[in-house]
Amino acid sequence: MSALSAVAGKGVAKKEAERSEALQVLTFWMHGEMFAVGILQVKEIIEYGQVTEIPLMPAFIRGVINLRGSVVPVVDLGARFGYERQQIGRRSCIVIVEMRTDEGSHDMGMVVDSVSEVLEVAAADIEPPPSFGAKIRADFIQGMSKINGKFVILLNTERVLSVDEMALLLAARAQGNALADLRPTEKAT
């Protein structure tokens, strides 16, 4: 093997190593900002429609959809981040992601303003979440990356769509409602 072949072989190996360290992400827009999630979590993207609202749910849960016979909860990411509920437009869609838990996997839907594209981000280009200044909770952010000259927030979907946290919020809300029902009413005597 010549020295030139050896150098070329190392160059190819280095490129393959860099490619394997890259993360493919689905980018989407929400409230005028670009966000991204790892493409391996995304099962499909569907048009927004036929969301059945469920009473007494937090504002960030839009409801559920029937996806080929399975009930899939749909989360309004804007409301989850503390913004107002998203206005549904003609480009609004639901990104279905697969969540893995100790009990197995289940699907969750995320309402977004529009889907942009699938991009490859080098692992070296992903910065840790900022300690301050982000418009959303720091634990919702997996990292930050600059894509096409703009900062993109890479979401930690396990935190954003945490079933355990949502269950705690629902339980707290139910307990608050139960306590309100138990309070004695003031009557004039």
Protein backbone atom coordinates (compact mmCIF):
# COMPACT_ATOMS: atom_id res chain seq x y z
CA MET A 1 0.00 0.00 0.00
CA SER A 2 1.46 3.35 -0.98
CA ALA A 3 1.73 6.28 1.41
CA LEU A 4 -0.81 8.18 -0.72
CA SER A 5 -3.33 5.33 -0.41
CA ALA A 6 -2.82 5.21 3.35
CA VAL A 7 -3.44 8.97 3.67
CA ALA A 8 -6.49 8.77 1.42
CA GLY A 9 -7.80 5.84 3.47
CA LYS A 10 -7.41 7.83 6.71
CA GLY A 11 -9.22 10.77 5.12
CA VAL A 12 -12.15 8.57 4.14
CA ALA A 13 -12.23 7.01 7.61
CA LYS A 14 -12.20 10.46 9.22
CA LYS A 15 -15.09 11.63 6.99
CA GLU A 16 -17.09 8.50 7.88
CA ALA A 17 -16.41 9.07 11.61
CA GLU A 18 -17.55 12.70 11.31
CA ARG A 19 -20.68 11.59 9.44
CA SER A 20 -21.49 9.00 12.12
CA GLU A 21 -21.17 11.72 14.79
CA ALA A 22 -23.65 13.94 12.94
CA LEU A 23 -27.21 14.15 14.14
CA GLN A 24 -30.08 14.26 11.67
CA VAL A 25 -32.84 16.56 12.84
CA LEU A 26 -36.28 17.62 11.69
CA THR A 27 -36.56 21.40 11.85
CA PHE A 28 -39.86 23.18 12.34
CA TRP A 29 -41.22 26.62 13.14
CA MET A 30 -43.21 27.66 16.15
CA HIS A 31 -44.02 31.21 17.27
CA GLY A 32 -41.47 32.63 14.85
CA GLU A 33 -38.57 30.49 16.11
CA MET A 34 -36.94 27.42 14.60
CA PHE A 35 -36.73 24.26 16.68
CA ALA A 36 -35.47 20.76 15.93
CA VAL A 37 -35.90 17.19 17.15
CA GLY A 38 -33.84 14.13 16.37
CA ILE A 39 -35.19 12.45 13.24
CA LEU A 40 -34.96 8.99 14.79
CA GLN A 41 -37.79 9.93 17.17
CA VAL A 42 -40.08 11.18 14.40
CA LYS A 43 -42.53 8.57 13.12
CA GLU A 44 -44.53 10.77 10.77
CA ILE A 45 -45.91 14.20 10.06
CA ILE A 46 -49.64 14.60 9.52
CA GLU A 47 -51.97 17.43 8.61
CA TYR A 48 -53.68 19.08 11.57
CA GLY A 49 -57.27 17.97 11.95
CA GLN A 50 -59.78 15.90 13.89
CA VAL A 51 -58.29 16.58 17.34
CA THR A 52 -60.79 15.60 20.02
CA GLU A 53 -60.57 17.88 23.05
CA ILE A 54 -60.64 16.33 26.50
CA PRO A 55 -62.21 18.27 29.38
CA LEU A 56 -60.12 19.31 32.40
CA MET A 57 -56.76 18.91 30.64
CA PRO A 58 -53.98 21.47 30.95
CA ALA A 59 -54.01 24.12 28.21
CA PHE A 60 -50.97 22.59 26.51
CA ILE A 61 -52.82 19.34 25.75
CA ARG A 62 -54.89 19.97 22.63
CA GLY A 63 -56.61 16.60 22.89
CA VAL A 64 -56.22 13.24 21.19
CA ILE A 65 -56.30 11.91 17.65
CA ASN A 66 -57.09 8.49 16.24
CA LEU A 67 -54.00 7.37 14.37
CA ARG A 68 -54.78 4.09 12.61
CA GLY A 69 -56.77 2.81 15.59
CA SER A 70 -54.43 4.14 18.30
CA VAL A 71 -55.28 7.04 20.58
CA VAL A 72 -52.44 9.57 20.41
CA PRO A 73 -52.27 12.59 22.76
CA VAL A 74 -51.51 15.89 21.02
CA VAL A 75 -49.45 18.55 22.82
CA ASP A 76 -49.46 22.21 21.83
CA LEU A 77 -45.74 23.01 22.11
CA GLY A 78 -46.35 26.74 22.26
CA ALA A 79 -48.63 26.38 25.27
CA ARG A 80 -46.21 23.85 26.82
CA PHE A 81 -43.47 26.48 26.61
CA GLY A 82 -45.68 29.11 28.24
CA TYR A 83 -46.80 30.95 25.12
CA GLU A 84 -50.44 31.36 24.16
CA ARG A 85 -52.06 28.42 22.39
CA GLN A 86 -50.98 28.24 18.78
CA GLN A 87 -53.31 29.53 16.13
CA ILE A 88 -53.90 26.75 13.64
CA GLY A 89 -52.99 27.83 10.12
CA ARG A 90 -52.95 26.10 6.76
CA ARG A 91 -49.33 24.92 7.29
CA SER A 92 -49.89 23.75 10.87
CA CYS A 93 -49.26 20.06 11.33
CA ILE A 94 -48.77 17.40 13.94
CA VAL A 95 -45.36 15.77 14.29
CA ILE A 96 -45.79 12.26 15.70
CA VAL A 97 -42.83 11.22 17.84
CA GLU A 98 -42.14 7.90 19.51
CA MET A 99 -41.47 8.16 23.23
CA ARG A 100 -39.70 5.32 25.02
CA THR A 101 -40.34 4.72 28.71
CA ASP A 102 -39.74 1.89 31.14
CA GLU A 103 -43.21 0.57 30.28
CA GLY A 104 -42.46 0.50 26.53
CA SER A 105 -42.98 3.00 23.76
CA HIS A 106 -45.93 5.19 22.90
CA ASP A 107 -46.66 7.90 20.37
CA MET A 108 -47.21 11.57 21.13
CA GLY A 109 -48.19 14.36 18.75
CA MET A 110 -46.73 17.87 18.76
CA VAL A 111 -48.56 20.75 17.08
CA VAL A 112 -46.14 22.98 15.15
CA ASP A 113 -46.69 26.01 12.91
CA SER A 114 -44.89 24.40 9.97
CA VAL A 115 -42.25 21.80 9.23
CA SER A 116 -39.11 23.05 7.53
CA GLU A 117 -36.67 20.29 6.54
CA VAL A 118 -34.44 17.42 7.65
CA LEU A 119 -30.86 18.55 8.21
CA GLU A 120 -27.63 17.00 9.38
CA VAL A 121 -25.92 18.72 12.31
CA ALA A 122 -22.35 17.86 13.27
CA ALA A 123 -22.05 16.86 16.92
CA ALA A 124 -19.24 19.43 17.28
CA ASP A 125 -21.68 22.18 16.22
CA ILE A 126 -24.11 21.48 19.07
CA GLU A 127 -23.61 23.72 22.09
CA PRO A 128 -24.95 22.96 25.58
CA PRO A 129 -28.21 24.63 26.62
CA PRO A 130 -27.83 28.23 27.80
CA SER A 131 -28.10 28.76 31.54
CA PHE A 132 -30.25 31.85 30.99
CA GLY A 133 -31.88 33.89 28.27
CA ALA A 134 -33.84 31.11 26.60
CA LYS A 135 -37.56 31.68 26.21
CA ILE A 136 -38.31 28.13 27.34
CA ARG A 137 -37.29 26.02 30.33
CA ALA A 138 -33.62 25.05 30.19
CA ASP A 139 -34.42 21.37 30.82
CA PHE A 140 -36.49 21.34 27.60
CA ILE A 141 -33.34 22.17 25.60
CA GLN A 142 -30.97 19.40 24.53
CA GLY A 143 -28.64 21.88 22.86
CA MET A 144 -28.27 24.80 20.50
CA SER A 145 -26.89 24.78 17.00
CA LYS A 146 -26.41 27.32 14.25
CA ILE A 147 -28.09 26.17 11.05
CA ASN A 148 -28.09 28.35 7.93
CA GLY A 149 -26.99 31.33 10.01
CA LYS A 150 -29.78 31.02 12.62
CA PHE A 151 -29.73 29.52 16.08
CA VAL A 152 -31.90 26.44 16.36
CA ILE A 153 -33.06 24.98 19.66
CA LEU A 154 -32.69 21.20 19.75
CA LEU A 155 -35.50 19.96 21.97
CA ASN A 156 -35.18 17.30 24.62
CA THR A 157 -38.46 15.57 23.77
CA GLU A 158 -38.20 13.25 26.77
CA ARG A 159 -38.51 16.33 29.02
CA VAL A 160 -40.92 18.34 26.87
CA LEU A 161 -43.29 15.40 26.42
CA SER A 162 -42.64 13.77 29.81
CA VAL A 163 -45.66 11.60 30.56
CA ASP A 164 -44.70 11.52 34.25
CA GLU A 165 -44.59 15.32 34.51
CA MET A 166 -47.88 15.66 32.65
CA ALA A 167 -49.47 13.11 35.00
CA LEU A 168 -48.21 15.09 38.01
CA LEU A 169 -49.67 18.29 36.57
CA LEU A 170 -53.01 16.58 35.99
CA ALA A 171 -53.00 15.12 39.51
CA ALA A 172 -52.17 18.50 41.03
CA ARG A 173 -54.94 20.13 39.01
CA ALA A 174 -57.43 17.44 40.07
CA GLN A 175 -56.36 17.80 43.71
CA GLY A 176 -56.74 21.58 43.45
CA ASN A 177 -60.25 21.16 42.04
CA ALA A 178 -61.13 18.66 44.79
CA LEU A 179 -59.85 21.02 47.48
CA ALA A 180 -61.87 23.87 45.99
CA ASP A 181 -64.98 21.67 46.15
CA LEU A 182 -64.31 20.83 49.82
CA ARG A 183 -63.91 24.44 50.99
CA PRO A 184 -66.86 25.55 53.06
CA THR A 185 -68.93 28.23 51.48
CA GLU A 186 -69.42 31.37 53.49
CA LYS A 187 -73.03 31.85 54.50
CA ALA A 188 -74.50 34.75 56.31
CA THR A 189 -75.72 33.70 59.76
